[in-house]
């Protein structure tokens, strides 16, 4: 008989895998994405070696893709405007 657990992200019940008894999150893609993001944030905050490796990886990617940000801004004007509005609201204290 399989045990059920409640997903901490979507609050739905899921059957616990017999092969993964430590499973805490359901298999929905959004929940798995949140689980990985939470792990990454926690690891960055607590592990200096992981943080250094992640920083070096980001730096290398930026060096290999020098025109990415300019092209993104050109291709996504609505994102540029939204960012501009958020920065204006943050600067004026309107959150």
N, C-alpha and C. Protein backbone atom coordinates (compact mmCIF):
# COMPACT_ATOMS: atom_id res chain seq x y z
N UNK A 1 0.84 -1.18 0.00
CA UNK A 1 0.00 0.00 0.00
C UNK A 1 0.89 1.24 0.00
N UNK A 2 0.54 2.20 -0.83
CA UNK A 2 1.34 3.41 -0.96
C UNK A 2 0.89 4.48 0.02
N UNK A 3 1.86 5.22 0.51
CA UNK A 3 1.60 6.33 1.42
C UNK A 3 1.36 7.60 0.59
N UNK A 4 0.53 8.48 1.11
CA UNK A 4 0.32 9.76 0.42
C UNK A 4 0.92 10.88 1.26
N UNK A 5 1.34 11.92 0.56
CA UNK A 5 1.85 13.13 1.20
C UNK A 5 1.22 14.34 0.54
N UNK A 6 1.34 15.46 1.22
CA UNK A 6 0.83 16.71 0.68
C UNK A 6 2.01 17.55 0.19
N UNK A 7 1.90 18.03 -1.03
CA UNK A 7 2.96 18.86 -1.62
C UNK A 7 2.99 20.21 -0.91
N UNK A 8 4.16 20.67 -0.47
CA UNK A 8 4.22 21.96 0.22
C UNK A 8 3.97 23.16 -0.69
N UNK A 9 4.02 22.97 -2.00
CA UNK A 9 3.84 24.08 -2.93
C UNK A 9 2.40 24.21 -3.42
N UNK A 10 1.82 23.12 -3.94
CA UNK A 10 0.47 23.20 -4.51
C UNK A 10 -0.59 22.66 -3.55
N UNK A 11 -0.17 22.08 -2.44
CA UNK A 11 -1.05 21.54 -1.41
C UNK A 11 -1.87 20.32 -1.86
N UNK A 12 -1.54 19.74 -3.01
CA UNK A 12 -2.27 18.56 -3.46
C UNK A 12 -1.62 17.31 -2.86
N UNK A 13 -2.40 16.26 -2.73
CA UNK A 13 -1.88 14.99 -2.24
C UNK A 13 -1.27 14.22 -3.40
N UNK A 14 -0.22 13.46 -3.10
CA UNK A 14 0.40 12.63 -4.13
C UNK A 14 0.85 11.33 -3.49
N UNK A 15 0.92 10.30 -4.32
CA UNK A 15 1.37 9.00 -3.83
C UNK A 15 2.89 9.00 -3.73
N UNK A 16 3.37 8.54 -2.63
CA UNK A 16 4.81 8.45 -2.39
C UNK A 16 5.38 7.30 -3.21
N UNK A 17 6.47 7.55 -3.89
CA UNK A 17 7.11 6.54 -4.70
C UNK A 17 7.80 5.50 -3.81
N UNK A 18 7.66 4.25 -4.16
CA UNK A 18 8.34 3.18 -3.42
C UNK A 18 9.85 3.28 -3.59
N UNK A 19 10.27 3.89 -4.69
CA UNK A 19 11.70 4.02 -4.97
C UNK A 19 12.31 5.31 -4.42
N UNK A 20 11.47 6.25 -4.03
CA UNK A 20 11.92 7.54 -3.48
C UNK A 20 11.17 7.85 -2.19
N UNK A 21 11.43 7.10 -1.11
CA UNK A 21 10.66 7.31 0.12
C UNK A 21 10.88 8.70 0.75
N UNK A 22 11.95 9.39 0.38
CA UNK A 22 12.22 10.71 0.94
C UNK A 22 11.55 11.83 0.14
N UNK A 23 10.79 11.49 -0.90
CA UNK A 23 10.14 12.48 -1.76
C UNK A 23 9.23 13.38 -0.93
N UNK A 24 9.36 14.69 -1.13
CA UNK A 24 8.56 15.65 -0.37
C UNK A 24 7.67 16.52 -1.26
N UNK A 25 7.95 16.52 -2.57
CA UNK A 25 7.25 17.40 -3.50
C UNK A 25 6.62 16.55 -4.60
N UNK A 26 5.42 16.94 -5.04
CA UNK A 26 4.76 16.19 -6.11
C UNK A 26 5.54 16.35 -7.42
N UNK A 27 5.12 15.65 -8.44
CA UNK A 27 5.85 15.64 -9.70
C UNK A 27 5.45 16.73 -10.69
N UNK A 28 4.56 17.63 -10.32
CA UNK A 28 4.13 18.69 -11.23
C UNK A 28 5.34 19.57 -11.59
N UNK A 29 5.47 19.94 -12.85
CA UNK A 29 6.64 20.74 -13.27
C UNK A 29 6.83 22.04 -12.49
N UNK A 30 5.73 22.75 -12.18
CA UNK A 30 5.87 24.00 -11.41
C UNK A 30 6.39 23.74 -10.01
N UNK A 31 5.92 22.69 -9.38
CA UNK A 31 6.39 22.35 -8.03
C UNK A 31 7.85 21.93 -8.05
N UNK A 32 8.24 21.14 -9.06
CA UNK A 32 9.63 20.73 -9.17
C UNK A 32 10.54 21.92 -9.43
N UNK A 33 10.07 22.86 -10.25
CA UNK A 33 10.84 24.07 -10.53
C UNK A 33 11.05 24.89 -9.25
N UNK A 34 9.98 25.01 -8.46
CA UNK A 34 10.10 25.74 -7.19
C UNK A 34 11.04 25.02 -6.22
N UNK A 35 10.96 23.69 -6.19
CA UNK A 35 11.85 22.91 -5.32
C UNK A 35 13.31 23.16 -5.68
N UNK A 36 13.62 23.11 -6.99
CA UNK A 36 15.00 23.35 -7.42
C UNK A 36 15.44 24.78 -7.12
N UNK A 37 14.56 25.74 -7.33
CA UNK A 37 14.91 27.14 -7.05
C UNK A 37 15.17 27.36 -5.56
N UNK A 38 14.35 26.75 -4.72
CA UNK A 38 14.55 26.86 -3.27
C UNK A 38 15.89 26.25 -2.86
N UNK A 39 16.19 25.08 -3.43
CA UNK A 39 17.46 24.42 -3.13
C UNK A 39 18.62 25.33 -3.55
N UNK A 40 18.53 25.88 -4.74
CA UNK A 40 19.60 26.74 -5.27
C UNK A 40 19.80 27.97 -4.37
N UNK A 41 18.71 28.63 -3.99
CA UNK A 41 18.80 29.81 -3.11
C UNK A 41 19.44 29.45 -1.77
N UNK A 42 19.00 28.33 -1.18
CA UNK A 42 19.55 27.91 0.11
C UNK A 42 21.03 27.57 -0.01
N UNK A 43 21.38 26.88 -1.08
CA UNK A 43 22.77 26.48 -1.29
C UNK A 43 23.66 27.71 -1.49
N UNK A 44 23.18 28.70 -2.25
CA UNK A 44 23.94 29.93 -2.45
C UNK A 44 24.18 30.65 -1.12
N UNK A 45 23.19 30.62 -0.24
CA UNK A 45 23.29 31.32 1.03
C UNK A 45 24.20 30.61 2.03
N UNK A 46 24.34 29.29 1.91
CA UNK A 46 25.05 28.55 2.95
C UNK A 46 26.37 27.91 2.51
N UNK A 47 26.62 27.83 1.21
CA UNK A 47 27.81 27.12 0.74
C UNK A 47 28.69 28.05 -0.10
N UNK A 48 29.81 28.51 0.47
CA UNK A 48 30.68 29.45 -0.26
C UNK A 48 31.26 28.87 -1.56
N UNK A 49 31.59 27.59 -1.57
CA UNK A 49 32.14 26.99 -2.78
C UNK A 49 31.09 26.93 -3.89
N UNK A 50 29.87 26.58 -3.52
CA UNK A 50 28.78 26.54 -4.50
C UNK A 50 28.53 27.94 -5.05
N UNK A 51 28.51 28.94 -4.16
CA UNK A 51 28.28 30.33 -4.56
C UNK A 51 29.36 30.79 -5.53
N UNK A 52 30.62 30.45 -5.24
CA UNK A 52 31.72 30.84 -6.12
C UNK A 52 31.59 30.17 -7.49
N UNK A 53 31.25 28.88 -7.50
CA UNK A 53 31.08 28.17 -8.76
C UNK A 53 29.93 28.73 -9.58
N UNK A 54 28.83 29.08 -8.92
CA UNK A 54 27.69 29.65 -9.63
C UNK A 54 28.06 31.01 -10.20
N UNK A 55 28.79 31.80 -9.45
CA UNK A 55 29.22 33.12 -9.93
C UNK A 55 30.15 33.00 -11.13
N UNK A 56 31.07 32.07 -11.07
CA UNK A 56 31.99 31.86 -12.19
C UNK A 56 31.24 31.38 -13.43
N UNK A 57 30.25 30.52 -13.22
CA UNK A 57 29.46 30.02 -14.33
C UNK A 57 28.68 31.15 -15.00
N UNK A 58 28.08 32.02 -14.21
CA UNK A 58 27.36 33.18 -14.75
C UNK A 58 28.29 34.10 -15.52
N UNK A 59 29.45 34.34 -14.94
CA UNK A 59 30.43 35.22 -15.59
C UNK A 59 30.86 34.64 -16.95
N UNK A 60 31.12 33.35 -16.98
CA UNK A 60 31.53 32.69 -18.23
C UNK A 60 30.42 32.79 -19.28
N UNK A 61 29.15 32.58 -18.85
CA UNK A 61 28.04 32.65 -19.79
C UNK A 61 27.93 34.07 -20.37
N UNK A 62 28.05 35.07 -19.50
CA UNK A 62 27.97 36.47 -19.97
C UNK A 62 29.08 36.79 -20.96
N UNK A 63 30.28 36.27 -20.71
CA UNK A 63 31.40 36.50 -21.62
C UNK A 63 31.16 35.82 -22.97
N UNK A 64 30.51 34.66 -22.97
CA UNK A 64 30.24 33.93 -24.20
C UNK A 64 29.04 34.49 -24.97
N UNK A 65 28.22 35.31 -24.31
CA UNK A 65 27.03 35.89 -24.94
C UNK A 65 27.00 37.41 -24.69
N UNK A 66 27.94 38.15 -25.25
CA UNK A 66 28.09 39.57 -24.90
C UNK A 66 26.91 40.46 -25.31
N UNK A 67 26.20 40.15 -26.37
CA UNK A 67 25.12 41.02 -26.82
C UNK A 67 23.73 40.59 -26.36
N UNK A 68 23.66 39.62 -25.45
CA UNK A 68 22.37 39.05 -25.08
C UNK A 68 21.42 40.10 -24.50
N UNK A 69 21.88 40.89 -23.52
CA UNK A 69 20.97 41.84 -22.86
C UNK A 69 20.44 42.89 -23.83
N UNK A 70 21.28 43.42 -24.69
CA UNK A 70 20.83 44.41 -25.66
C UNK A 70 19.79 43.81 -26.60
N UNK A 71 20.03 42.59 -27.06
CA UNK A 71 19.10 41.94 -27.96
C UNK A 71 17.78 41.63 -27.25
N UNK A 72 17.86 41.19 -26.00
CA UNK A 72 16.64 40.90 -25.24
C UNK A 72 15.79 42.15 -25.10
N UNK A 73 16.43 43.25 -24.73
CA UNK A 73 15.70 44.51 -24.56
C UNK A 73 15.07 44.96 -25.87
N UNK A 74 15.78 44.75 -26.96
CA UNK A 74 15.26 45.11 -28.28
C UNK A 74 14.04 44.26 -28.63
N UNK A 75 14.10 42.96 -28.31
CA UNK A 75 13.04 42.03 -28.67
C UNK A 75 11.85 42.04 -27.70
N UNK A 76 12.02 42.61 -26.50
CA UNK A 76 10.98 42.59 -25.47
C UNK A 76 10.74 43.99 -24.90
N UNK A 77 10.20 44.91 -25.69
CA UNK A 77 10.00 46.27 -25.19
C UNK A 77 9.04 46.35 -24.01
N UNK A 78 8.07 45.44 -23.92
CA UNK A 78 7.14 45.47 -22.79
C UNK A 78 7.86 45.14 -21.48
N UNK A 79 8.84 44.28 -21.53
CA UNK A 79 9.62 43.95 -20.32
C UNK A 79 10.47 45.15 -19.92
N UNK A 80 11.01 45.85 -20.89
CA UNK A 80 11.81 47.05 -20.61
C UNK A 80 10.94 48.10 -19.93
N UNK A 81 9.75 48.32 -20.44
CA UNK A 81 8.84 49.31 -19.86
C UNK A 81 8.41 48.91 -18.46
N UNK A 82 8.09 47.63 -18.26
CA UNK A 82 7.69 47.14 -16.93
C UNK A 82 8.82 47.34 -15.93
N UNK A 83 10.04 47.04 -16.33
CA UNK A 83 11.19 47.24 -15.46
C UNK A 83 11.36 48.72 -15.12
N UNK A 84 11.20 49.57 -16.12
CA UNK A 84 11.32 51.02 -15.90
C UNK A 84 10.29 51.49 -14.87
N UNK A 85 9.06 51.01 -15.00
CA UNK A 85 8.01 51.40 -14.06
C UNK A 85 8.29 50.88 -12.66
N UNK A 86 8.79 49.65 -12.56
CA UNK A 86 9.11 49.10 -11.24
C UNK A 86 10.24 49.88 -10.58
N UNK A 87 11.25 50.24 -11.34
CA UNK A 87 12.35 51.01 -10.78
C UNK A 87 11.88 52.37 -10.30
N UNK A 88 10.99 52.99 -11.07
CA UNK A 88 10.45 54.29 -10.68
C UNK A 88 9.64 54.16 -9.38
N UNK A 89 8.82 53.11 -9.29
CA UNK A 89 8.02 52.89 -8.10
C UNK A 89 8.91 52.60 -6.89
N UNK A 90 9.96 51.80 -7.08
CA UNK A 90 10.88 51.48 -5.99
C UNK A 90 11.61 52.72 -5.51
N UNK A 91 12.02 53.59 -6.44
CA UNK A 91 12.75 54.79 -6.07
C UNK A 91 11.88 55.78 -5.33
N UNK A 92 10.59 55.80 -5.64
CA UNK A 92 9.70 56.75 -4.97
C UNK A 92 9.07 56.17 -3.72
N UNK A 93 9.40 54.93 -3.39
CA UNK A 93 8.91 54.30 -2.17
C UNK A 93 7.54 53.68 -2.29
N UNK A 94 7.04 53.56 -3.50
CA UNK A 94 5.73 52.95 -3.73
C UNK A 94 5.95 51.48 -4.05
N UNK A 95 5.67 50.63 -3.10
CA UNK A 95 5.86 49.20 -3.32
C UNK A 95 4.54 48.59 -3.43
